């Protein structure tokens, strides 16, 4: 993951979704609580899980329901 913005309150990271469809996915985290919001769930489920294993994801927000943005959604929701 690449940190693309950070201050005393919030950190925004760009995930590497893996797979053949390279839609963007972002993790927005509250620095104080450690709780996160995942924006879009594209790509390879195992790759996404490995990047998110220590994260406290509270919500998953979807920008739209095209397959290149939802590839890992079902698996992520189950975990």
N, C-alpha and C. Protein backbone atom coordinates (compact mmCIF):
# COMPACT_ATOMS: atom_id res chain seq x y z
N UNK A 1 0.83 -1.18 0.00
CA UNK A 1 0.00 0.00 0.00
C UNK A 1 0.88 1.24 0.00
N UNK A 2 0.36 2.25 -0.62
CA UNK A 2 1.09 3.52 -0.73
C UNK A 2 0.30 4.61 -0.01
N UNK A 3 0.93 5.29 0.94
CA UNK A 3 0.28 6.42 1.61
C UNK A 3 0.26 7.58 0.64
N UNK A 4 -0.94 8.09 0.36
CA UNK A 4 -1.03 9.21 -0.58
C UNK A 4 -1.38 10.52 0.11
N UNK A 5 -1.88 10.44 1.35
CA UNK A 5 -2.14 11.65 2.14
C UNK A 5 -2.20 11.26 3.60
N UNK A 6 -1.70 12.16 4.47
CA UNK A 6 -1.73 11.88 5.89
C UNK A 6 -1.56 13.18 6.67
N UNK A 7 -2.33 13.29 7.74
CA UNK A 7 -2.13 14.37 8.68
C UNK A 7 -2.41 13.83 10.08
N UNK A 8 -2.62 14.68 11.05
CA UNK A 8 -2.78 14.21 12.42
C UNK A 8 -4.10 13.45 12.64
N UNK A 9 -5.06 13.58 11.73
CA UNK A 9 -6.37 12.96 11.90
C UNK A 9 -6.65 11.78 10.99
N UNK A 10 -6.10 11.81 9.79
CA UNK A 10 -6.51 10.83 8.78
C UNK A 10 -5.34 10.40 7.91
N UNK A 11 -5.39 9.14 7.47
CA UNK A 11 -4.39 8.61 6.53
C UNK A 11 -5.16 7.98 5.37
N UNK A 12 -4.74 8.27 4.15
CA UNK A 12 -5.33 7.68 2.95
C UNK A 12 -4.26 6.88 2.25
N UNK A 13 -4.57 5.60 2.01
CA UNK A 13 -3.62 4.70 1.36
C UNK A 13 -4.25 4.14 0.09
N UNK A 14 -3.44 4.00 -0.93
CA UNK A 14 -3.88 3.37 -2.17
C UNK A 14 -3.43 1.92 -2.14
N UNK A 15 -4.36 1.01 -2.34
CA UNK A 15 -4.05 -0.41 -2.31
C UNK A 15 -3.65 -0.90 -3.69
N UNK A 16 -2.91 -1.97 -3.72
CA UNK A 16 -2.57 -2.67 -4.96
C UNK A 16 -3.53 -3.85 -5.04
N UNK A 17 -4.60 -3.76 -5.85
CA UNK A 17 -5.61 -4.81 -5.86
C UNK A 17 -5.17 -6.11 -6.50
N UNK A 18 -4.10 -6.10 -7.28
CA UNK A 18 -3.67 -7.31 -7.96
C UNK A 18 -4.67 -7.71 -9.02
N UNK A 19 -4.41 -8.79 -9.69
CA UNK A 19 -5.31 -9.27 -10.73
C UNK A 19 -5.14 -8.51 -12.02
N UNK A 20 -5.99 -8.83 -12.97
CA UNK A 20 -5.86 -8.25 -14.31
C UNK A 20 -6.62 -6.94 -14.46
N UNK A 21 -7.53 -6.65 -13.54
CA UNK A 21 -8.30 -5.42 -13.65
C UNK A 21 -7.78 -4.44 -12.59
N UNK A 22 -7.22 -3.35 -13.04
CA UNK A 22 -6.51 -2.44 -12.13
C UNK A 22 -7.35 -1.23 -11.74
N UNK A 23 -8.52 -1.46 -11.19
CA UNK A 23 -9.29 -0.35 -10.64
C UNK A 23 -8.64 0.09 -9.33
N UNK A 24 -8.81 1.32 -8.99
CA UNK A 24 -8.21 1.83 -7.76
C UNK A 24 -9.04 1.44 -6.55
N UNK A 25 -8.37 1.28 -5.43
CA UNK A 25 -9.00 1.02 -4.15
C UNK A 25 -8.23 1.81 -3.10
N UNK A 26 -8.96 2.40 -2.16
CA UNK A 26 -8.34 3.24 -1.15
C UNK A 26 -8.80 2.84 0.23
N UNK A 27 -7.93 3.04 1.20
CA UNK A 27 -8.24 2.82 2.59
C UNK A 27 -8.08 4.16 3.32
N UNK A 28 -9.17 4.62 3.92
CA UNK A 28 -9.17 5.88 4.67
C UNK A 28 -9.26 5.52 6.14
N UNK A 29 -8.25 5.91 6.92
CA UNK A 29 -8.14 5.48 8.31
C UNK A 29 -8.09 6.67 9.25
N UNK A 30 -8.86 6.58 10.32
CA UNK A 30 -8.81 7.56 11.41
C UNK A 30 -7.56 7.25 12.23
N UNK A 31 -6.66 8.18 12.33
CA UNK A 31 -5.41 7.97 13.05
C UNK A 31 -5.67 7.71 14.53
N UNK A 32 -6.67 8.35 15.10
CA UNK A 32 -6.94 8.21 16.54
C UNK A 32 -7.54 6.86 16.91
N UNK A 33 -8.51 6.37 16.13
CA UNK A 33 -9.20 5.12 16.47
C UNK A 33 -8.65 3.91 15.73
N UNK A 34 -7.99 4.14 14.60
CA UNK A 34 -7.51 3.04 13.78
C UNK A 34 -8.59 2.42 12.91
N UNK A 35 -9.83 2.91 13.00
CA UNK A 35 -10.92 2.39 12.17
C UNK A 35 -10.78 2.92 10.76
N UNK A 36 -11.17 2.06 9.81
CA UNK A 36 -10.97 2.39 8.40
C UNK A 36 -12.24 2.21 7.58
N UNK A 37 -12.25 2.91 6.46
CA UNK A 37 -13.26 2.75 5.43
C UNK A 37 -12.51 2.33 4.17
N UNK A 38 -12.94 1.23 3.56
CA UNK A 38 -12.37 0.77 2.30
C UNK A 38 -13.24 1.30 1.17
N UNK A 39 -12.62 1.91 0.18
CA UNK A 39 -13.36 2.43 -0.97
C UNK A 39 -13.03 1.54 -2.17
N UNK A 40 -14.05 0.82 -2.62
CA UNK A 40 -14.00 -0.14 -3.72
C UNK A 40 -13.21 -1.39 -3.32
N UNK A 41 -13.56 -2.50 -3.95
CA UNK A 41 -12.97 -3.80 -3.61
C UNK A 41 -12.62 -4.58 -4.88
N UNK A 42 -11.73 -4.05 -5.69
CA UNK A 42 -11.39 -4.73 -6.94
C UNK A 42 -10.34 -5.83 -6.74
N UNK A 43 -10.12 -6.57 -7.80
CA UNK A 43 -8.94 -7.42 -7.87
C UNK A 43 -9.00 -8.74 -7.14
N UNK A 44 -7.84 -9.18 -6.78
CA UNK A 44 -7.60 -10.49 -6.20
C UNK A 44 -7.89 -10.47 -4.70
N UNK A 45 -8.80 -11.34 -4.25
CA UNK A 45 -9.20 -11.36 -2.85
C UNK A 45 -8.01 -11.61 -1.93
N UNK A 46 -7.19 -12.59 -2.22
CA UNK A 46 -6.06 -12.92 -1.34
C UNK A 46 -5.08 -11.75 -1.22
N UNK A 47 -4.84 -11.07 -2.33
CA UNK A 47 -3.94 -9.89 -2.31
C UNK A 47 -4.53 -8.80 -1.43
N UNK A 48 -5.84 -8.56 -1.57
CA UNK A 48 -6.49 -7.54 -0.76
C UNK A 48 -6.44 -7.92 0.71
N UNK A 49 -6.73 -9.18 1.03
CA UNK A 49 -6.72 -9.63 2.42
C UNK A 49 -5.34 -9.49 3.05
N UNK A 50 -4.30 -9.77 2.29
CA UNK A 50 -2.95 -9.66 2.84
C UNK A 50 -2.61 -8.21 3.18
N UNK A 51 -3.14 -7.27 2.41
CA UNK A 51 -2.88 -5.85 2.69
C UNK A 51 -3.74 -5.32 3.83
N UNK A 52 -4.87 -5.96 4.07
CA UNK A 52 -5.83 -5.45 5.05
C UNK A 52 -5.85 -6.26 6.34
N UNK A 53 -4.94 -7.21 6.50
CA UNK A 53 -5.02 -8.17 7.61
C UNK A 53 -5.00 -7.53 8.99
N UNK A 54 -4.32 -6.44 9.19
CA UNK A 54 -4.24 -5.81 10.51
C UNK A 54 -5.11 -4.57 10.62
N UNK A 55 -5.99 -4.37 9.65
CA UNK A 55 -6.81 -3.16 9.62
C UNK A 55 -8.18 -3.41 10.25
N UNK A 56 -8.72 -2.38 10.89
CA UNK A 56 -10.06 -2.45 11.47
C UNK A 56 -11.03 -1.77 10.50
N UNK A 57 -11.51 -2.54 9.53
CA UNK A 57 -12.40 -1.97 8.52
C UNK A 57 -13.83 -1.94 9.06
N UNK A 58 -14.36 -0.75 9.13
CA UNK A 58 -15.72 -0.56 9.64
C UNK A 58 -16.75 -0.57 8.52
N UNK A 59 -16.38 -0.02 7.36
CA UNK A 59 -17.30 0.07 6.23
C UNK A 59 -16.55 -0.21 4.93
N UNK A 60 -17.30 -0.69 3.94
CA UNK A 60 -16.81 -0.79 2.57
C UNK A 60 -17.75 0.06 1.72
N UNK A 61 -17.21 1.07 1.08
CA UNK A 61 -17.99 1.96 0.21
C UNK A 61 -17.69 1.62 -1.24
N UNK A 62 -18.72 1.52 -2.04
CA UNK A 62 -18.56 1.21 -3.45
C UNK A 62 -18.92 2.44 -4.28
N UNK A 63 -18.03 2.80 -5.21
CA UNK A 63 -18.31 3.95 -6.06
C UNK A 63 -19.32 3.58 -7.15
N UNK A 64 -19.29 2.34 -7.60
CA UNK A 64 -20.27 1.81 -8.55
C UNK A 64 -20.09 0.30 -8.63
N UNK A 65 -20.99 -0.39 -9.33
CA UNK A 65 -20.98 -1.85 -9.27
C UNK A 65 -20.42 -2.54 -10.50
N UNK A 66 -19.50 -1.92 -11.19
CA UNK A 66 -18.83 -2.60 -12.29
C UNK A 66 -17.90 -3.68 -11.73
N UNK A 67 -17.75 -4.77 -12.47
CA UNK A 67 -16.95 -5.90 -12.02
C UNK A 67 -15.53 -5.56 -11.64
N UNK A 68 -14.95 -4.55 -12.30
CA UNK A 68 -13.56 -4.19 -11.98
C UNK A 68 -13.45 -3.46 -10.65
N UNK A 69 -14.58 -3.15 -10.01
CA UNK A 69 -14.56 -2.50 -8.70
C UNK A 69 -15.10 -3.40 -7.60
N UNK A 70 -15.64 -4.56 -7.97
CA UNK A 70 -16.31 -5.42 -6.99
C UNK A 70 -15.72 -6.82 -6.88
N UNK A 71 -14.63 -7.11 -7.55
CA UNK A 71 -14.08 -8.45 -7.61
C UNK A 71 -13.84 -9.13 -6.28
N UNK A 72 -13.44 -8.39 -5.27
CA UNK A 72 -13.13 -8.99 -3.96
C UNK A 72 -14.19 -8.67 -2.90
N UNK A 73 -15.28 -8.02 -3.31
CA UNK A 73 -16.27 -7.54 -2.35
C UNK A 73 -16.88 -8.65 -1.50
N UNK A 74 -17.37 -9.69 -2.11
CA UNK A 74 -18.05 -10.74 -1.36
C UNK A 74 -17.11 -11.37 -0.34
N UNK A 75 -15.91 -11.70 -0.76
CA UNK A 75 -14.94 -12.29 0.14
C UNK A 75 -14.54 -11.37 1.28
N UNK A 76 -14.38 -10.10 1.00
CA UNK A 76 -14.03 -9.13 2.04
C UNK A 76 -15.16 -8.97 3.05
N UNK A 77 -16.38 -8.94 2.56
CA UNK A 77 -17.53 -8.81 3.47
C UNK A 77 -17.64 -10.02 4.39
N UNK A 78 -17.32 -11.20 3.88
CA UNK A 78 -17.40 -12.41 4.69
C UNK A 78 -16.37 -12.41 5.80
N UNK A 79 -15.28 -11.73 5.60
CA UNK A 79 -14.21 -11.69 6.61
C UNK A 79 -14.33 -10.47 7.46
